[in-house]
Amino acid sequence: MTTWKIRLITAAVLAILAAIWILQNGDSVQVKFLFARITMPQSAMLSITLLIGTVVGIFLALGLSGKWNLKKPKL
């Protein structure tokens, strides 16, 4: 089995587990962020947290792999 198939299967399993975990937590929770208090379903909070973590992970992976050239251009 190739590496990309293993990664694809791992990602699919993690996505399914995350979806099950999110769907089972439908209770309302109160979230305090800075000076605001928001009441929202716990599933929405978990989805937002998962999305933020995924985006940060992608940015870190791209930055650490050297695919982004962060050097200043020479003038």
PDB file of N, CA and C in Angstrom:
ATOM      1  N   MET A   1       0.849  -1.172   0.000  1.00  0.00           N
ATOM      2  CA  MET A   1       0.000   0.000   0.000  1.00  0.00           C
ATOM      3  C   MET A   1       0.896   1.237   0.000  1.00  0.00           C
ATOM      4  N   THR A   2       0.562   2.201  -0.835  1.00  0.00           N
ATOM      5  CA  THR A   2       1.400   3.390  -0.947  1.00  0.00           C
ATOM      6  C   THR A   2       1.119   4.365   0.186  1.00  0.00           C
ATOM      7  N   THR A   3       2.034   5.302   0.336  1.00  0.00           N
ATOM      8  CA  THR A   3       1.938   6.271   1.424  1.00  0.00           C
ATOM      9  C   THR A   3       0.688   7.128   1.306  1.00  0.00           C
ATOM     10  N   TRP A   4       0.351   7.554   0.097  1.00  0.00           N
ATOM     11  CA  TRP A   4      -0.813   8.438  -0.041  1.00  0.00           C
ATOM     12  C   TRP A   4      -2.104   7.704   0.278  1.00  0.00           C
ATOM     13  N   LYS A   5      -2.168   6.397   0.025  1.00  0.00           N
ATOM     14  CA  LYS A   5      -3.366   5.636   0.384  1.00  0.00           C
ATOM     15  C   LYS A   5      -3.504   5.524   1.900  1.00  0.00           C
ATOM     16  N   ILE A   6      -2.387   5.325   2.572  1.00  0.00           N
ATOM     17  CA  ILE A   6      -2.410   5.254   4.037  1.00  0.00           C
ATOM     18  C   ILE A   6      -2.852   6.589   4.617  1.00  0.00           C
ATOM     19  N   ARG A   7      -2.334   7.676   4.070  1.00  0.00           N
ATOM     20  CA  ARG A   7      -2.732   9.011   4.542  1.00  0.00           C
ATOM     21  C   ARG A   7      -4.208   9.269   4.276  1.00  0.00           C
ATOM     22  N   LEU A   8      -4.686   8.855   3.115  1.00  0.00           N
ATOM     23  CA  LEU A   8      -6.090   9.049   2.768  1.00  0.00           C
ATOM     24  C   LEU A   8      -7.004   8.255   3.700  1.00  0.00           C
ATOM     25  N   ILE A   9      -6.652   7.020   3.973  1.00  0.00           N
ATOM     26  CA  ILE A   9      -7.448   6.193   4.880  1.00  0.00           C
ATOM     27  C   ILE A   9      -7.423   6.771   6.292  1.00  0.00           C
ATOM     28  N   THR A  10      -6.256   7.211   6.745  1.00  0.00           N
ATOM     29  CA  THR A  10      -6.141   7.815   8.074  1.00  0.00           C
ATOM     30  C   THR A  10      -6.987   9.076   8.174  1.00  0.00           C
ATOM     31  N   ALA A  11      -6.931   9.925   7.151  1.00  0.00           N
ATOM     32  CA  ALA A  11      -7.723  11.155   7.148  1.00  0.00           C
ATOM     33  C   ALA A  11      -9.216  10.844   7.143  1.00  0.00           C
ATOM     34  N   ALA A  12      -9.626   9.840   6.383  1.00  0.00           N
ATOM     35  CA  ALA A  12     -11.041   9.472   6.334  1.00  0.00           C
ATOM     36  C   ALA A  12     -11.526   8.948   7.683  1.00  0.00           C
ATOM     37  N   VAL A  13     -10.729   8.113   8.322  1.00  0.00           N
ATOM     38  CA  VAL A  13     -11.103   7.577   9.636  1.00  0.00           C
ATOM     39  C   VAL A  13     -11.199   8.704  10.661  1.00  0.00           C
ATOM     40  N   LEU A  14     -10.237   9.619  10.650  1.00  0.00           N
ATOM     41  CA  LEU A  14     -10.273  10.747  11.589  1.00  0.00           C
ATOM     42  C   LEU A  14     -11.467  11.656  11.322  1.00  0.00           C
ATOM     43  N   ALA A  15     -11.802  11.872  10.052  1.00  0.00           N
ATOM     44  CA  ALA A  15     -12.959  12.702   9.710  1.00  0.00           C
ATOM     45  C   ALA A  15     -14.256  12.058  10.188  1.00  0.00           C
ATOM     46  N   ILE A  16     -14.373  10.755  10.031  1.00  0.00           N
ATOM     47  CA  ILE A  16     -15.574  10.050  10.491  1.00  0.00           C
ATOM     48  C   ILE A  16     -15.683  10.114  12.014  1.00  0.00           C
ATOM     49  N   LEU A  17     -14.572   9.887  12.711  1.00  0.00           N
ATOM     50  CA  LEU A  17     -14.587   9.968  14.176  1.00  0.00           C
ATOM     51  C   LEU A  17     -14.930  11.379  14.648  1.00  0.00           C
ATOM     52  N   ALA A  18     -14.391  12.396  13.978  1.00  0.00           N
ATOM     53  CA  ALA A  18     -14.698  13.782  14.343  1.00  0.00           C
ATOM     54  C   ALA A  18     -16.174  14.083  14.114  1.00  0.00           C
ATOM     55  N   ALA A  19     -16.731  13.610  13.008  1.00  0.00           N
ATOM     56  CA  ALA A  19     -18.148  13.844  12.723  1.00  0.00           C
ATOM     57  C   ALA A  19     -19.039  13.179  13.771  1.00  0.00           C
ATOM     58  N   ILE A  20     -18.714  11.956  14.150  1.00  0.00           N
ATOM     59  CA  ILE A  20     -19.493  11.257  15.187  1.00  0.00           C
ATOM     60  C   ILE A  20     -19.411  12.012  16.509  1.00  0.00           C
ATOM     61  N   TRP A  21     -18.204  12.435  16.872  1.00  0.00           N
ATOM     62  CA  TRP A  21     -17.996  13.153  18.125  1.00  0.00           C
ATOM     63  C   TRP A  21     -18.780  14.464  18.139  1.00  0.00           C
ATOM     64  N   ILE A  22     -18.762  15.187  17.019  1.00  0.00           N
ATOM     65  CA  ILE A  22     -19.464  16.466  16.933  1.00  0.00           C
ATOM     66  C   ILE A  22     -20.974  16.261  16.988  1.00  0.00           C
ATOM     67  N   LEU A  23     -21.484  15.279  16.258  1.00  0.00           N
ATOM     68  CA  LEU A  23     -22.929  15.058  16.211  1.00  0.00           C
ATOM     69  C   LEU A  23     -23.498  14.570  17.540  1.00  0.00           C
ATOM     70  N   GLN A  24     -22.701  13.937  18.357  1.00  0.00           N
ATOM     71  CA  GLN A  24     -23.186  13.444  19.648  1.00  0.00           C
ATOM     72  C   GLN A  24     -23.218  14.532  20.718  1.00  0.00           C
ATOM     73  N   ASN A  25     -22.662  15.682  20.445  1.00  0.00           N
ATOM     74  CA  ASN A  25     -22.610  16.761  21.433  1.00  0.00           C
ATOM     75  C   ASN A  25     -23.486  17.918  20.970  1.00  0.00           C
ATOM     76  N   GLY A  26     -24.791  17.784  21.163  1.00  0.00           N
ATOM     77  CA  GLY A  26     -25.727  18.795  20.689  1.00  0.00           C
ATOM     78  C   GLY A  26     -26.224  19.742  21.766  1.00  0.00           C
ATOM     79  N   ASP A  27     -25.783  19.585  22.994  1.00  0.00           N
ATOM     80  CA  ASP A  27     -26.238  20.456  24.083  1.00  0.00           C
ATOM     81  C   ASP A  27     -25.744  21.881  23.879  1.00  0.00           C
ATOM     82  N   SER A  28     -26.469  22.831  24.461  1.00  0.00           N
ATOM     83  CA  SER A  28     -26.048  24.228  24.392  1.00  0.00           C
ATOM     84  C   SER A  28     -24.991  24.512  25.453  1.00  0.00           C
ATOM     85  N   VAL A  29     -24.011  25.297  25.073  1.00  0.00           N
ATOM     86  CA  VAL A  29     -22.964  25.711  26.005  1.00  0.00           C
ATOM     87  C   VAL A  29     -22.796  27.217  25.902  1.00  0.00           C
ATOM     88  N   GLN A  30     -22.304  27.797  26.980  1.00  0.00           N
ATOM     89  CA  GLN A  30     -22.031  29.227  26.979  1.00  0.00           C
ATOM     90  C   GLN A  30     -20.530  29.417  26.798  1.00  0.00           C
ATOM     91  N   VAL A  31     -20.175  30.198  25.780  1.00  0.00           N
ATOM     92  CA  VAL A  31     -18.776  30.432  25.450  1.00  0.00           C
ATOM     93  C   VAL A  31     -18.451  31.884  25.761  1.00  0.00           C
ATOM     94  N   LYS A  32     -17.371  32.090  26.489  1.00  0.00           N
ATOM     95  CA  LYS A  32     -16.923  33.443  26.801  1.00  0.00           C
ATOM     96  C   LYS A  32     -15.667  33.712  25.986  1.00  0.00           C
ATOM     97  N   PHE A  33     -15.729  34.726  25.123  1.00  0.00           N
ATOM     98  CA  PHE A  33     -14.590  35.104  24.290  1.00  0.00           C
ATOM     99  C   PHE A  33     -14.360  36.596  24.456  1.00  0.00           C
ATOM    100  N   LEU A  34     -13.214  36.944  25.014  1.00  0.00           N
ATOM    101  CA  LEU A  34     -12.881  38.327  25.353  1.00  0.00           C
ATOM    102  C   LEU A  34     -13.968  38.889  26.252  1.00  0.00           C
ATOM    103  N   PHE A  35     -14.795  39.819  25.748  1.00  0.00           N
ATOM    104  CA  PHE A  35     -15.818  40.436  26.589  1.00  0.00           C
ATOM    105  C   PHE A  35     -17.223  39.972  26.231  1.00  0.00           C
ATOM    106  N   ALA A  36     -17.344  39.052  25.303  1.00  0.00           N
ATOM    107  CA  ALA A  36     -18.656  38.585  24.848  1.00  0.00           C
ATOM    108  C   ALA A  36     -18.956  37.199  25.409  1.00  0.00           C
ATOM    109  N   ARG A  37     -20.221  36.963  25.651  1.00  0.00           N
ATOM    110  CA  ARG A  37     -20.692  35.633  26.048  1.00  0.00           C
ATOM    111  C   ARG A  37     -21.696  35.182  24.994  1.00  0.00           C
ATOM    112  N   ILE A  38     -21.458  34.013  24.459  1.00  0.00           N
ATOM    113  CA  ILE A  38     -22.296  33.493  23.385  1.00  0.00           C
ATOM    114  C   ILE A  38     -22.808  32.118  23.802  1.00  0.00           C
ATOM    115  N   THR A  39     -24.102  31.895  23.614  1.00  0.00           N
ATOM    116  CA  THR A  39     -24.671  30.570  23.834  1.00  0.00           C
ATOM    117  C   THR A  39     -24.848  29.919  22.473  1.00  0.00           C
ATOM    118  N   MET A  40     -24.259  28.745  22.319  1.00  0.00           N
ATOM    119  CA  MET A  40     -24.309  28.049  21.035  1.00  0.00           C
ATOM    120  C   MET A  40     -24.308  26.549  21.274  1.00  0.00           C
ATOM    121  N   PRO A  41     -24.716  25.778  20.269  1.00  0.00           N
ATOM    122  CA  PRO A  41     -24.635  24.322  20.424  1.00  0.00           C
ATOM    123  C   PRO A  41     -23.179  23.876  20.559  1.00  0.00           C
ATOM    124  N   GLN A  42     -22.972  22.882  21.388  1.00  0.00           N
ATOM    125  CA  GLN A  42     -21.616  22.382  21.589  1.00  0.00           C
ATOM    126  C   GLN A  42     -21.047  21.817  20.293  1.00  0.00           C
ATOM    127  N   SER A  43     -21.912  21.274  19.435  1.00  0.00           N
ATOM    128  CA  SER A  43     -21.447  20.747  18.155  1.00  0.00           C
ATOM    129  C   SER A  43     -20.882  21.862  17.277  1.00  0.00           C
ATOM    130  N   ALA A  44     -21.482  23.055  17.331  1.00  0.00           N
ATOM    131  CA  ALA A  44     -20.957  24.182  16.558  1.00  0.00           C
ATOM    132  C   ALA A  44     -19.596  24.614  17.095  1.00  0.00           C
ATOM    133  N   MET A  45     -19.468  24.627  18.412  1.00  0.00           N
ATOM    134  CA  MET A  45     -18.182  24.998  19.016  1.00  0.00           C
ATOM    135  C   MET A  45     -17.099  23.996  18.647  1.00  0.00           C
ATOM    136  N   LEU A  46     -17.418  22.714  18.672  1.00  0.00           N
ATOM    137  CA  LEU A  46     -16.449  21.692  18.285  1.00  0.00           C
ATOM    138  C   LEU A  46     -16.075  21.820  16.808  1.00  0.00           C
ATOM    139  N   SER A  47     -17.058  22.134  15.960  1.00  0.00           N
ATOM    140  CA  SER A  47     -16.779  22.307  14.531  1.00  0.00           C
ATOM    141  C   SER A  47     -15.851  23.489  14.287  1.00  0.00           C
ATOM    142  N   ILE A  48     -16.104  24.589  14.975  1.00  0.00           N
ATOM    143  CA  ILE A  48     -15.252  25.774  14.831  1.00  0.00           C
ATOM    144  C   ILE A  48     -13.835  25.468  15.300  1.00  0.00           C
ATOM    145  N   THR A  49     -13.722  24.798  16.434  1.00  0.00           N
ATOM    146  CA  THR A  49     -12.406  24.440  16.964  1.00  0.00           C
ATOM    147  C   THR A  49     -11.664  23.507  16.014  1.00  0.00           C
ATOM    148  N   LEU A  50     -12.366  22.531  15.453  1.00  0.00           N
ATOM    149  CA  LEU A  50     -11.758  21.605  14.496  1.00  0.00           C
ATOM    150  C   LEU A  50     -11.289  22.349  13.252  1.00  0.00           C
ATOM    151  N   LEU A  51     -12.099  23.275  12.761  1.00  0.00           N
ATOM    152  CA  LEU A  51     -11.728  24.047  11.573  1.00  0.00           C
ATOM    153  C   LEU A  51     -10.495  24.910  11.829  1.00  0.00           C
ATOM    154  N   ILE A  52     -10.461  25.587  12.963  1.00  0.00           N
ATOM    155  CA  ILE A  52      -9.303  26.424  13.301  1.00  0.00           C
ATOM    156  C   ILE A  52      -8.046  25.567  13.433  1.00  0.00           C
ATOM    157  N   GLY A  53      -8.156  24.438  14.101  1.00  0.00           N
ATOM    158  CA  GLY A  53      -7.006  23.546  14.251  1.00  0.00           C
ATOM    159  C   GLY A  53      -6.510  23.009  12.921  1.00  0.00           C
ATOM    160  N   THR A  54      -7.430  22.694  12.021  1.00  0.00           N
ATOM    161  CA  THR A  54      -7.045  22.203  10.699  1.00  0.00           C
ATOM    162  C   THR A  54      -6.315  23.276   9.907  1.00  0.00           C
ATOM    163  N   VAL A  55      -6.841  24.488   9.926  1.00  0.00           N
ATOM    164  CA  VAL A  55      -6.206  25.585   9.185  1.00  0.00           C
ATOM    165  C   VAL A  55      -4.813  25.877   9.741  1.00  0.00           C
ATOM    166  N   VAL A  56      -4.686  25.940  11.052  1.00  0.00           N
ATOM    167  CA  VAL A  56      -3.373  26.185  11.669  1.00  0.00           C
ATOM    168  C   VAL A  56      -2.408  25.051  11.328  1.00  0.00           C
ATOM    169  N   GLY A  57      -2.878  23.818  11.374  1.00  0.00           N
ATOM    170  CA  GLY A  57      -2.035  22.675  11.033  1.00  0.00           C
ATOM    171  C   GLY A  57      -1.555  22.715   9.597  1.00  0.00           C
ATOM    172  N   ILE A  58      -2.430  23.101   8.676  1.00  0.00           N
ATOM    173  CA  ILE A  58      -2.033  23.205   7.266  1.00  0.00           C
ATOM    174  C   ILE A  58      -0.992  24.295   7.093  1.00  0.00           C
ATOM    175  N   PHE A  59      -1.217  25.456   7.716  1.00  0.00           N
ATOM    176  CA  PHE A  59      -0.239  26.544   7.602  1.00  0.00           C
ATOM    177  C   PHE A  59       1.114  26.137   8.174  1.00  0.00           C
ATOM    178  N   LEU A  60       1.112  25.466   9.311  1.00  0.00           N
ATOM    179  CA  LEU A  60       2.374  25.020   9.904  1.00  0.00           C
ATOM    180  C   LEU A  60       3.059  23.975   9.033  1.00  0.00           C
ATOM    181  N   ALA A  61       2.292  23.057   8.478  1.00  0.00           N
ATOM    182  CA  ALA A  61       2.881  22.019   7.625  1.00  0.00           C
ATOM    183  C   ALA A  61       3.503  22.634   6.375  1.00  0.00           C
ATOM    184  N   LEU A  62       2.826  23.597   5.783  1.00  0.00           N
ATOM    185  CA  LEU A  62       3.374  24.248   4.591  1.00  0.00           C
ATOM    186  C   LEU A  62       4.610  25.068   4.933  1.00  0.00           C
ATOM    187  N   GLY A  63       4.574  25.743   6.074  1.00  0.00           N
ATOM    188  CA  GLY A  63       5.718  26.559   6.479  1.00  0.00           C
ATOM    189  C   GLY A  63       6.928  25.726   6.833  1.00  0.00           C
ATOM    190  N   LEU A  64       6.721  24.607   7.518  1.00  0.00           N
ATOM    191  CA  LEU A  64       7.840  23.769   7.932  1.00  0.00           C
ATOM    192  C   LEU A  64       8.404  22.937   6.789  1.00  0.00           C
ATOM    193  N   SER A  65       7.586  22.655   5.773  1.00  0.00           N
ATOM    194  CA  SER A  65       8.074  21.843   4.659  1.00  0.00           C
ATOM    195  C   SER A  65       8.870  22.673   3.662  1.00  0.00           C
ATOM    196  N   GLY A  66       8.856  23.985   3.819  1.00  0.00           N
ATOM    197  CA  GLY A  66       9.628  24.845   2.932  1.00  0.00           C
ATOM    198  C   GLY A  66       8.913  25.189   1.639  1.00  0.00           C
ATOM    199  N   LYS A  67       7.613  24.905   1.553  1.00  0.00           N
ATOM    200  CA  LYS A  67       6.881  25.224   0.333  1.00  0.00           C
ATOM    201  C   LYS A  67       6.586  26.714   0.227  1.00  0.00           C
ATOM    202  N   TRP A  68       6.659  27.395   1.323  1.00  0.00           N
ATOM    203  CA  TRP A  68       6.490  28.840   1.301  1.00  0.00           C
ATOM    204  C   TRP A  68       7.854  29.473   1.432  1.00  0.00           C
ATOM    205  N   ASN A  69       8.150  30.384   0.560  1.00  0.00           N
ATOM    206  CA  ASN A  69       9.407  31.108   0.638  1.00  0.00           C
ATOM    207  C   ASN A  69       9.136  32.397   1.406  1.00  0.00           C
ATOM    208  N   LEU A  70       9.567  32.442   2.652  1.00  0.00           N
ATOM    209  CA  LEU A  70       9.272  33.588   3.502  1.00  0.00           C
ATOM    210  C   LEU A  70      10.403  34.613   3.534  1.00  0.00           C
ATOM    211  N   LYS A  71      11.382  34.445   2.665  1.00  0.00           N
ATOM    212  CA  LYS A  71      12.496  35.384   2.635  1.00  0.00           C
ATOM    213  C   LYS A  71      12.075  36.665   1.931  1.00  0.00           C
ATOM    214  N   LYS A  72      12.658  37.769   2.370  1.00  0.00           N
ATOM    215  CA  LYS A  72      12.358  39.044   1.740  1.00  0.00           C
ATOM    216  C   LYS A  72      13.022  39.098   0.370  1.00  0.00           C
ATOM    217  N   PRO A  73      12.335  39.682  -0.604  1.00  0.00           N
ATOM    218  CA  PRO A  73      12.950  39.785  -1.934  1.00  0.00           C
ATOM    219  C   PRO A  73      14.126  40.762  -1.912  1.00  0.00           C
ATOM    220  N   LYS A  74      15.121  40.469  -2.728  1.00  0.00           N
ATOM    221  CA  LYS A  74      16.286  41.354  -2.816  1.00  0.00           C
ATOM    222  C   LYS A  74      15.934  42.557  -3.672  1.00  0.00           C
ATOM    223  N   LEU A  75      16.360  43.716  -3.216  1.00  0.00           N
ATOM    224  CA  LEU A  75      16.093  44.952  -3.965  1.00  0.00           C
ATOM    225  C   LEU A  75      17.296  45.365  -4.762  1.00  0.00           C
TER     226      LEU A  75
END
